[in-house]
Structures are given as structure tokens and as C-alpha cells.
PDB file of N, CA and C in Angstrom:
ATOM      1  N   MET A   1       6.753   5.981 -38.233  1.00  0.00           N
ATOM      2  CA  MET A   1       7.860   6.828 -37.610  1.00  0.00           C
ATOM      3  C   MET A   1       7.215   6.704 -35.873  1.00  0.00           C
ATOM      4  N   LYS A   2       8.353   6.721 -35.061  1.00  0.00           N
ATOM      5  CA  LYS A   2       8.488   6.388 -33.725  1.00  0.00           C
ATOM      6  C   LYS A   2       7.378   8.134 -33.213  1.00  0.00           C
ATOM      7  N   VAL A   3       6.952   8.144 -32.211  1.00  0.00           N
ATOM      8  CA  VAL A   3       6.489   9.969 -31.820  1.00  0.00           C
ATOM      9  C   VAL A   3       7.130   9.891 -30.467  1.00  0.00           C
ATOM     10  N   LYS A   4       7.427  11.051 -30.071  1.00  0.00           N
ATOM     11  CA  LYS A   4       8.758  11.316 -29.218  1.00  0.00           C
ATOM     12  C   LYS A   4       7.583  11.350 -27.803  1.00  0.00           C
ATOM     13  N   SER A   5       8.259  10.984 -26.526  1.00  0.00           N
ATOM     14  CA  SER A   5       7.682  10.595 -25.444  1.00  0.00           C
ATOM     15  C   SER A   5       7.340  11.949 -24.557  1.00  0.00           C
ATOM     16  N   THR A   6       6.728  11.842 -23.765  1.00  0.00           N
ATOM     17  CA  THR A   6       5.915  12.727 -23.069  1.00  0.00           C
ATOM     18  C   THR A   6       6.202  12.636 -21.502  1.00  0.00           C
ATOM     19  N   ILE A   7       6.942  13.171 -20.630  1.00  0.00           N
ATOM     20  CA  ILE A   7       7.655  13.114 -19.270  1.00  0.00           C
ATOM     21  C   ILE A   7       7.019  13.854 -18.457  1.00  0.00           C
ATOM     22  N   TYR A   8       6.291  13.059 -17.390  1.00  0.00           N
ATOM     23  CA  TYR A   8       5.611  14.258 -16.359  1.00  0.00           C
ATOM     24  C   TYR A   8       5.981  13.445 -14.938  1.00  0.00           C
ATOM     25  N   LYS A   9       6.496  14.045 -13.821  1.00  0.00           N
ATOM     26  CA  LYS A   9       7.131  13.569 -12.890  1.00  0.00           C
ATOM     27  C   LYS A   9       7.871  12.233 -13.056  1.00  0.00           C
ATOM     28  N   GLY A  10       8.615  12.256 -14.107  1.00  0.00           N
ATOM     29  CA  GLY A  10       9.578  11.009 -14.367  1.00  0.00           C
ATOM     30  C   GLY A  10       8.888   9.944 -14.852  1.00  0.00           C
ATOM     31  N   ILE A  11       7.635   9.878 -15.244  1.00  0.00           N
ATOM     32  CA  ILE A  11       6.595   8.927 -15.781  1.00  0.00           C
ATOM     33  C   ILE A  11       7.117   9.080 -17.886  1.00  0.00           C
ATOM     34  N   GLU A  12       7.884   8.570 -18.392  1.00  0.00           N
ATOM     35  CA  GLU A  12       7.959   8.687 -19.901  1.00  0.00           C
ATOM     36  C   GLU A  12       6.658   7.964 -20.231  1.00  0.00           C
ATOM     37  N   TYR A  13       6.060   8.672 -20.860  1.00  0.00           N
ATOM     38  CA  TYR A  13       4.655   7.802 -21.936  1.00  0.00           C
ATOM     39  C   TYR A  13       4.081   8.418 -22.974  1.00  0.00           C
ATOM     40  N   VAL A  14       3.339   7.906 -23.844  1.00  0.00           N
ATOM     41  CA  VAL A  14       2.652   8.527 -24.986  1.00  0.00           C
ATOM     42  C   VAL A  14       1.057   8.454 -24.395  1.00  0.00           C
ATOM     43  N   GLN A  15       0.660   9.302 -25.256  1.00  0.00           N
ATOM     44  CA  GLN A  15      -0.961   9.578 -24.959  1.00  0.00           C
ATOM     45  C   GLN A  15      -1.115   8.813 -26.414  1.00  0.00           C
ATOM     46  N   ILE A  16      -2.130   7.769 -25.992  1.00  0.00           N
ATOM     47  CA  ILE A  16      -2.521   6.982 -27.620  1.00  0.00           C
ATOM     48  C   ILE A  16      -3.334   7.654 -28.579  1.00  0.00           C
ATOM     49  N   ASN A  17      -4.160   8.508 -28.176  1.00  0.00           N
ATOM     50  CA  ASN A  17      -5.214   9.388 -28.801  1.00  0.00           C
ATOM     51  C   ASN A  17      -3.994  10.270 -29.770  1.00  0.00           C
ATOM     52  N   THR A  18      -3.151  10.608 -29.618  1.00  0.00           N
ATOM     53  CA  THR A  18      -2.213  11.283 -29.619  1.00  0.00           C
ATOM     54  C   THR A  18      -0.908  10.921 -31.140  1.00  0.00           C
ATOM     55  N   LEU A  19      -0.935   9.443 -31.110  1.00  0.00           N
ATOM     56  CA  LEU A  19      -0.272   8.684 -32.409  1.00  0.00           C
ATOM     57  C   LEU A  19      -0.928   9.245 -33.708  1.00  0.00           C
ATOM     58  N   PRO A  20      -0.278   9.008 -34.656  1.00  0.00           N
ATOM     59  CA  PRO A  20      -0.764   8.657 -36.062  1.00  0.00           C
ATOM     60  C   PRO A  20      -2.008   7.717 -36.399  1.00  0.00           C
ATOM     61  N   LYS A  21      -2.515   7.666 -36.713  1.00  0.00           N
ATOM     62  CA  LYS A  21      -4.037   7.442 -36.735  1.00  0.00           C
ATOM     63  C   LYS A  21      -3.694   5.609 -37.003  1.00  0.00           C
ATOM     64  N   GLU A  22      -3.046   5.674 -37.874  1.00  0.00           N
ATOM     65  CA  GLU A  22      -2.476   3.978 -38.508  1.00  0.00           C
ATOM     66  C   GLU A  22      -2.121   3.227 -37.091  1.00  0.00           C
ATOM     67  N   GLN A  23      -1.093   3.881 -36.660  1.00  0.00           N
ATOM     68  CA  GLN A  23      -0.303   3.623 -35.221  1.00  0.00           C
ATOM     69  C   GLN A  23      -1.125   3.411 -34.302  1.00  0.00           C
ATOM     70  N   MET A  24      -2.630   4.195 -33.794  1.00  0.00           N
ATOM     71  CA  MET A  24      -3.184   4.190 -33.131  1.00  0.00           C
ATOM     72  C   MET A  24      -4.469   2.948 -32.943  1.00  0.00           C
ATOM     73  N   ASP A  25      -4.732   2.841 -34.277  1.00  0.00           N
ATOM     74  CA  ASP A  25      -5.655   1.501 -34.583  1.00  0.00           C
ATOM     75  C   ASP A  25      -4.541   0.283 -34.484  1.00  0.00           C
ATOM     76  N   SER A  26      -3.646   0.178 -35.318  1.00  0.00           N
ATOM     77  CA  SER A  26      -2.675  -0.803 -34.809  1.00  0.00           C
ATOM     78  C   SER A  26      -2.550  -1.491 -33.384  1.00  0.00           C
ATOM     79  N   LEU A  27      -2.146  -0.290 -33.171  1.00  0.00           N
ATOM     80  CA  LEU A  27      -1.634  -0.674 -31.243  1.00  0.00           C
ATOM     81  C   LEU A  27      -3.055  -1.309 -30.490  1.00  0.00           C
ATOM     82  N   MET A  28      -3.817  -0.274 -30.994  1.00  0.00           N
ATOM     83  CA  MET A  28      -5.421  -1.063 -30.203  1.00  0.00           C
ATOM     84  C   MET A  28      -5.937  -2.319 -30.213  1.00  0.00           C
ATOM     85  N   LYS A  29      -5.254  -2.879 -31.717  1.00  0.00           N
ATOM     86  CA  LYS A  29      -5.783  -3.685 -31.943  1.00  0.00           C
ATOM     87  C   LYS A  29      -4.700  -5.468 -31.342  1.00  0.00           C
ATOM     88  N   THR A  30      -3.445  -4.604 -30.993  1.00  0.00           N
ATOM     89  CA  THR A  30      -2.808  -5.852 -30.446  1.00  0.00           C
ATOM     90  C   THR A  30      -1.747  -5.677 -29.304  1.00  0.00           C
ATOM     91  N   ILE A  31      -2.338  -4.445 -28.690  1.00  0.00           N
ATOM     92  CA  ILE A  31      -1.436  -4.112 -27.543  1.00  0.00           C
ATOM     93  C   ILE A  31      -2.125  -5.172 -26.466  1.00  0.00           C
ATOM     94  N   ASN A  32      -1.596  -5.359 -25.132  1.00  0.00           N
ATOM     95  CA  ASN A  32      -2.331  -5.969 -24.228  1.00  0.00           C
ATOM     96  C   ASN A  32      -3.022  -5.060 -23.237  1.00  0.00           C
ATOM     97  N   ARG A  33      -3.917  -4.546 -23.055  1.00  0.00           N
ATOM     98  CA  ARG A  33      -4.517  -3.565 -22.642  1.00  0.00           C
ATOM     99  C   ARG A  33      -4.607  -3.843 -20.940  1.00  0.00           C
ATOM    100  N   GLU A  34      -3.623  -4.095 -20.458  1.00  0.00           N
ATOM    101  CA  GLU A  34      -2.914  -4.000 -19.069  1.00  0.00           C
ATOM    102  C   GLU A  34      -2.134  -3.140 -18.804  1.00  0.00           C
ATOM    103  N   LEU A  35      -1.507  -2.645 -20.404  1.00  0.00           N
ATOM    104  CA  LEU A  35      -0.383  -1.742 -20.186  1.00  0.00           C
ATOM    105  C   LEU A  35      -0.548  -0.646 -19.739  1.00  0.00           C
ATOM    106  N   LEU A  36      -1.958  -0.181 -20.298  1.00  0.00           N
ATOM    107  CA  LEU A  36      -2.392   1.359 -20.373  1.00  0.00           C
ATOM    108  C   LEU A  36      -2.571   1.661 -18.834  1.00  0.00           C
ATOM    109  N   ILE A  37      -2.107   2.973 -18.724  1.00  0.00           N
ATOM    110  CA  ILE A  37      -2.148   3.477 -17.452  1.00  0.00           C
ATOM    111  C   ILE A  37      -2.795   4.965 -17.367  1.00  0.00           C
ATOM    112  N   LYS A  38      -3.139   5.248 -16.573  1.00  0.00           N
ATOM    113  CA  LYS A  38      -3.540   6.541 -16.444  1.00  0.00           C
ATOM    114  C   LYS A  38      -2.959   7.158 -15.380  1.00  0.00           C
ATOM    115  N   ILE A  39      -2.642   8.401 -15.942  1.00  0.00           N
ATOM    116  CA  ILE A  39      -1.731   9.775 -15.067  1.00  0.00           C
ATOM    117  C   ILE A  39      -2.531  11.054 -14.639  1.00  0.00           C
ATOM    118  N   LEU A  40      -2.400  11.012 -13.210  1.00  0.00           N
ATOM    119  CA  LEU A  40      -3.031  12.248 -12.576  1.00  0.00           C
ATOM    120  C   LEU A  40      -1.786  13.879 -12.997  1.00  0.00           C
ATOM    121  N   ILE A  41      -2.452  14.454 -13.876  1.00  0.00           N
ATOM    122  CA  ILE A  41      -1.667  15.440 -14.080  1.00  0.00           C
ATOM    123  C   ILE A  41      -2.924  16.951 -13.835  1.00  0.00           C
ATOM    124  N   ASP A  42      -2.171  17.403 -12.459  1.00  0.00           N
ATOM    125  CA  ASP A  42      -2.772  18.695 -12.293  1.00  0.00           C
ATOM    126  C   ASP A  42      -4.321  18.406 -12.188  1.00  0.00           C
ATOM    127  N   ASP A  43      -4.390  17.688 -11.163  1.00  0.00           N
ATOM    128  CA  ASP A  43      -5.484  17.159 -10.796  1.00  0.00           C
ATOM    129  C   ASP A  43      -6.593  16.706 -11.572  1.00  0.00           C
ATOM    130  N   LYS A  44      -6.147  16.365 -12.844  1.00  0.00           N
ATOM    131  CA  LYS A  44      -6.873  15.943 -13.953  1.00  0.00           C
ATOM    132  C   LYS A  44      -6.283  14.363 -14.403  1.00  0.00           C
ATOM    133  N   LEU A  45      -7.084  13.568 -14.513  1.00  0.00           N
ATOM    134  CA  LEU A  45      -7.073  11.970 -14.716  1.00  0.00           C
ATOM    135  C   LEU A  45      -6.862  11.741 -16.072  1.00  0.00           C
ATOM    136  N   VAL A  46      -5.625  11.524 -16.912  1.00  0.00           N
ATOM    137  CA  VAL A  46      -5.557  11.651 -18.022  1.00  0.00           C
ATOM    138  C   VAL A  46      -5.166   9.972 -18.454  1.00  0.00           C
ATOM    139  N   GLY A  47      -6.348   9.480 -19.385  1.00  0.00           N
ATOM    140  CA  GLY A  47      -6.129   8.015 -19.778  1.00  0.00           C
ATOM    141  C   GLY A  47      -5.581   7.466 -20.962  1.00  0.00           C
ATOM    142  N   ASN A  48      -5.706   6.477 -21.208  1.00  0.00           N
ATOM    143  CA  ASN A  48      -5.258   5.941 -22.328  1.00  0.00           C
ATOM    144  C   ASN A  48      -3.973   6.295 -22.637  1.00  0.00           C
ATOM    145  N   CYS A  49      -3.082   6.158 -21.555  1.00  0.00           N
ATOM    146  CA  CYS A  49      -1.415   6.365 -21.864  1.00  0.00           C
ATOM    147  C   CYS A  49      -0.576   5.175 -21.687  1.00  0.00           C
ATOM    148  N   LEU A  50       0.344   4.616 -22.414  1.00  0.00           N
ATOM    149  CA  LEU A  50       1.063   3.891 -22.756  1.00  0.00           C
ATOM    150  C   LEU A  50       2.667   4.292 -22.269  1.00  0.00           C
ATOM    151  N   GLN A  51       3.127   3.437 -21.142  1.00  0.00           N
ATOM    152  CA  GLN A  51       4.525   3.984 -20.674  1.00  0.00           C
ATOM    153  C   GLN A  51       4.993   4.230 -22.050  1.00  0.00           C
ATOM    154  N   PHE A  52       6.534   4.615 -22.177  1.00  0.00           N
ATOM    155  CA  PHE A  52       7.286   4.960 -23.883  1.00  0.00           C
ATOM    156  C   PHE A  52       7.931   3.460 -23.829  1.00  0.00           C
ATOM    157  N   LYS A  53       8.208   3.294 -22.594  1.00  0.00           N
ATOM    158  CA  LYS A  53       9.226   1.503 -22.796  1.00  0.00           C
ATOM    159  C   LYS A  53       8.072   0.603 -23.600  1.00  0.00           C
ATOM    160  N   ASP A  54       6.798   0.448 -23.328  1.00  0.00           N
ATOM    161  CA  ASP A  54       6.023  -0.394 -24.080  1.00  0.00           C
ATOM    162  C   ASP A  54       5.636  -0.228 -25.294  1.00  0.00           C
ATOM    163  N   TYR A  55       5.566   1.156 -25.678  1.00  0.00           N
ATOM    164  CA  TYR A  55       5.295   1.637 -26.995  1.00  0.00           C
ATOM    165  C   TYR A  55       6.527   1.390 -27.757  1.00  0.00           C
ATOM    166  N   GLU A  56       7.643   1.581 -27.414  1.00  0.00           N
ATOM    167  CA  GLU A  56       8.734   1.165 -28.228  1.00  0.00           C
ATOM    168  C   GLU A  56       9.014   0.135 -28.799  1.00  0.00           C
ATOM    169  N   SER A  57       8.376  -1.144 -27.179  1.00  0.00           N
ATOM    170  CA  SER A  57       8.955  -2.546 -27.765  1.00  0.00           C
ATOM    171  C   SER A  57       7.590  -2.478 -28.812  1.00  0.00           C
ATOM    172  N   TRP A  58       6.254  -1.923 -28.666  1.00  0.00           N
ATOM    173  CA  TRP A  58       5.396  -2.349 -29.406  1.00  0.00           C
ATOM    174  C   TRP A  58       5.933  -1.968 -30.909  1.00  0.00           C
ATOM    175  N   PHE A  59       6.112  -0.896 -31.265  1.00  0.00           N
ATOM    176  CA  PHE A  59       6.661  -0.237 -32.439  1.00  0.00           C
ATOM    177  C   PHE A  59       7.942  -1.003 -33.226  1.00  0.00           C
ATOM    178  N   ASP A  60       8.828  -1.313 -32.429  1.00  0.00           N
ATOM    179  CA  ASP A  60       9.945  -2.106 -32.706  1.00  0.00           C
ATOM    180  C   ASP A  60       9.430  -3.511 -33.318  1.00  0.00           C
ATOM    181  N   LEU A  61       8.793  -4.526 -31.991  1.00  0.00           N
ATOM    182  CA  LEU A  61       8.269  -5.942 -32.656  1.00  0.00           C
ATOM    183  C   LEU A  61       7.031  -5.813 -33.359  1.00  0.00           C
ATOM    184  N   VAL A  62       6.046  -5.111 -33.189  1.00  0.00           N
ATOM    185  CA  VAL A  62       4.884  -5.434 -34.206  1.00  0.00           C
ATOM    186  C   VAL A  62       4.728  -4.473 -35.227  1.00  0.00           C
ATOM    187  N   TYR A  63       4.683  -3.149 -34.620  1.00  0.00           N
ATOM    188  CA  TYR A  63       4.323  -2.251 -35.972  1.00  0.00           C
ATOM    189  C   TYR A  63       5.279  -2.000 -37.180  1.00  0.00           C
ATOM    190  N   SER A  64       6.530  -2.096 -36.763  1.00  0.00           N
ATOM    191  CA  SER A  64       7.377  -2.083 -37.702  1.00  0.00           C
ATOM    192  C   SER A  64       7.843  -3.150 -38.504  1.00  0.00           C
ATOM    193  N   SER A  65       7.722  -4.500 -38.080  1.00  0.00           N
ATOM    194  CA  SER A  65       7.864  -5.725 -38.590  1.00  0.00           C
ATOM    195  C   SER A  65       6.603  -5.666 -39.975  1.00  0.00           C
ATOM    196  N   ASN A  66       5.558  -4.950 -39.566  1.00  0.00           N
ATOM    197  CA  ASN A  66       4.046  -5.126 -40.434  1.00  0.00           C
ATOM    198  C   ASN A  66       4.499  -4.426 -41.789  1.00  0.00           C
ATOM    199  N   LYS A  67       5.696  -3.480 -41.711  1.00  0.00           N
ATOM    200  CA  LYS A  67       6.142  -2.744 -42.871  1.00  0.00           C
ATOM    201  C   LYS A  67       6.801  -3.010 -43.900  1.00  0.00           C
ATOM    202  N   PRO A  68       6.689  -3.034 -44.923  1.00  0.00           N
ATOM    203  CA  PRO A  68       8.202  -3.425 -46.153  1.00  0.00           C
ATOM    204  C   PRO A  68       9.305  -2.909 -45.402  1.00  0.00           C
ATOM    205  N   SER A  69       9.344  -1.777 -44.422  1.00  0.00           N
ATOM    206  CA  SER A  69      10.818  -1.365 -44.601  1.00  0.00           C
ATOM    207  C   SER A  69      11.348  -1.922 -42.939  1.00  0.00           C
ATOM    208  N   ALA A  70      10.664  -2.649 -42.685  1.00  0.00           N
ATOM    209  CA  ALA A  70      11.224  -3.148 -41.258  1.00  0.00           C
ATOM    210  C   ALA A  70      12.564  -3.720 -41.411  1.00  0.00           C
ATOM    211  N   THR A  71      13.534  -3.513 -40.343  1.00  0.00           N
ATOM    212  CA  THR A  71      14.937  -3.668 -40.617  1.00  0.00           C
ATOM    213  C   THR A  71      14.925  -5.280 -40.191  1.00  0.00           C
ATOM    214  N   LYS A  72      16.101  -5.846 -40.479  1.00  0.00           N
ATOM    215  CA  LYS A  72      16.384  -7.209 -40.167  1.00  0.00           C
ATOM    216  C   LYS A  72      17.093  -7.323 -38.928  1.00  0.00           C
ATOM    217  N   ALA A  73      17.336  -6.510 -37.959  1.00  0.00           N
ATOM    218  CA  ALA A  73      17.359  -6.409 -36.699  1.00  0.00           C
ATOM    219  C   ALA A  73      16.396  -6.616 -35.961  1.00  0.00           C
ATOM    220  N   VAL A  74      15.169  -6.373 -36.480  1.00  0.00           N
ATOM    221  CA  VAL A  74      13.873  -6.234 -35.682  1.00  0.00           C
ATOM    222  C   VAL A  74      13.774  -7.765 -36.007  1.00  0.00           C
ATOM    223  N   LYS A  75      13.527  -8.376 -37.637  1.00  0.00           N
ATOM    224  CA  LYS A  75      13.073  -9.523 -37.635  1.00  0.00           C
ATOM    225  C   LYS A  75      13.941 -10.903 -36.993  1.00  0.00           C
ATOM    226  N   GLU A  76      14.654 -10.812 -36.775  1.00  0.00           N
ATOM    227  CA  GLU A  76      15.865 -10.979 -36.125  1.00  0.00           C
ATOM    228  C   GLU A  76      15.221 -11.297 -34.505  1.00  0.00           C
ATOM    229  N   ARG A  77      15.350 -10.492 -34.128  1.00  0.00           N
ATOM    230  CA  ARG A  77      15.139 -10.130 -32.593  1.00  0.00           C
ATOM    231  C   ARG A  77      13.792 -10.780 -32.621  1.00  0.00           C
ATOM    232  N   GLU A  78      12.382 -10.754 -33.318  1.00  0.00           N
ATOM    233  CA  GLU A  78      11.349 -11.561 -33.318  1.00  0.00           C
ATOM    234  C   GLU A  78      11.521 -13.100 -33.164  1.00  0.00           C
ATOM    235  N   LYS A  79      12.728 -13.624 -34.308  1.00  0.00           N
ATOM    236  CA  LYS A  79      12.632 -15.145 -34.490  1.00  0.00           C
ATOM    237  C   LYS A  79      13.439 -15.300 -32.933  1.00  0.00           C
ATOM    238  N   THR A  80      14.722 -14.638 -31.930  1.00  0.00           N
ATOM    239  CA  THR A  80      15.182 -14.789 -31.136  1.00  0.00           C
ATOM    240  C   THR A  80      13.618 -15.237 -29.989  1.00  0.00           C
ATOM    241  N   LEU A  81      13.276 -13.887 -29.987  1.00  0.00           N
ATOM    242  CA  LEU A  81      11.889 -14.363 -28.861  1.00  0.00           C
ATOM    243  C   LEU A  81      10.925 -15.191 -29.077  1.00  0.00           C
ATOM    244  N   GLU A  82      10.663 -15.691 -30.553  1.00  0.00           N
ATOM    245  CA  GLU A  82       9.978 -16.791 -30.247  1.00  0.00           C
ATOM    246  C   GLU A  82      10.727 -18.012 -29.957  1.00  0.00           C
ATOM    247  N   ALA A  83      12.084 -18.218 -30.414  1.00  0.00           N
ATOM    248  CA  ALA A  83      12.591 -19.497 -30.340  1.00  0.00           C
ATOM    249  C   ALA A  83      12.816 -19.646 -28.892  1.00  0.00           C
ATOM    250  N   GLU A  84      12.788 -18.160 -27.595  1.00  0.00           N
ATOM    251  CA  GLU A  84      12.859 -18.324 -26.442  1.00  0.00           C
ATOM    252  C   GLU A  84      11.690 -18.935 -25.917  1.00  0.00           C
ATOM    253  N   ALA A  85      10.227 -18.146 -26.461  1.00  0.00           N
ATOM    254  CA  ALA A  85       9.248 -18.527 -25.891  1.00  0.00           C
ATOM    255  C   ALA A  85       8.523 -20.625 -26.508  1.00  0.00           C
ATOM    256  N   VAL A  86       9.386 -20.775 -27.554  1.00  0.00           N
ATOM    257  CA  VAL A  86       9.394 -22.311 -27.720  1.00  0.00           C
ATOM    258  C   VAL A  86      10.083 -23.044 -26.391  1.00  0.00           C
ATOM    259  N   SER A  87      11.216 -22.758 -26.088  1.00  0.00           N
ATOM    260  CA  SER A  87      11.888 -23.197 -25.299  1.00  0.00           C
ATOM    261  C   SER A  87      11.279 -23.487 -23.980  1.00  0.00           C
ATOM    262  N   LEU A  88      10.530 -22.614 -23.836  1.00  0.00           N
ATOM    263  CA  LEU A  88       9.822 -22.593 -22.305  1.00  0.00           C
ATOM    264  C   LEU A  88       8.753 -23.297 -22.194  1.00  0.00           C
TER     265      LEU A  88
END
């Protein structure tokens, strides 16, 4: 199940260490580390964050597709992305 985002000064994000353990482990194995961000909140630097749009993309294309309950639409989207990558 997708987690809810947090919004701070217009930045919609999730903090990776607040994800369910299974998601956190899978995300850290598969995500591009360059997508991780740090946010300065009340003079405290909060690390290990991911913009919510990147979390949603990862969840739909990677995490959900590894689950038996993955939707047909997600699988079709993956095929489209693979076809686009091959045509490049």
C-alpha cells in the first residue's frame, strides 16, 4: 500500500525510514540514489527523503509489479516503457 506524502514548503516527499520495512528494503535496492534529497526543516537537515512523484513512480513500476496483485495497467505501462527504451 502506498504511504501518504508529507508536504513542507511546497515539497511533497516521503522519508524512506518511515516506509514499511518491505518497501524500504526494496526501494533501497532498486532506486537511483541520485533521487534522494535532503530537506532543511526548522534548522534541521532531514535526509533520506524522496520526492513523492518519484516514490509513486517507483511504487507503480517496480514494487507493485513484483507483487502478485499487480494490475494489468501497470504491466502494460512497463511494456510501453520497455518498448520506448528499445526504440531509442
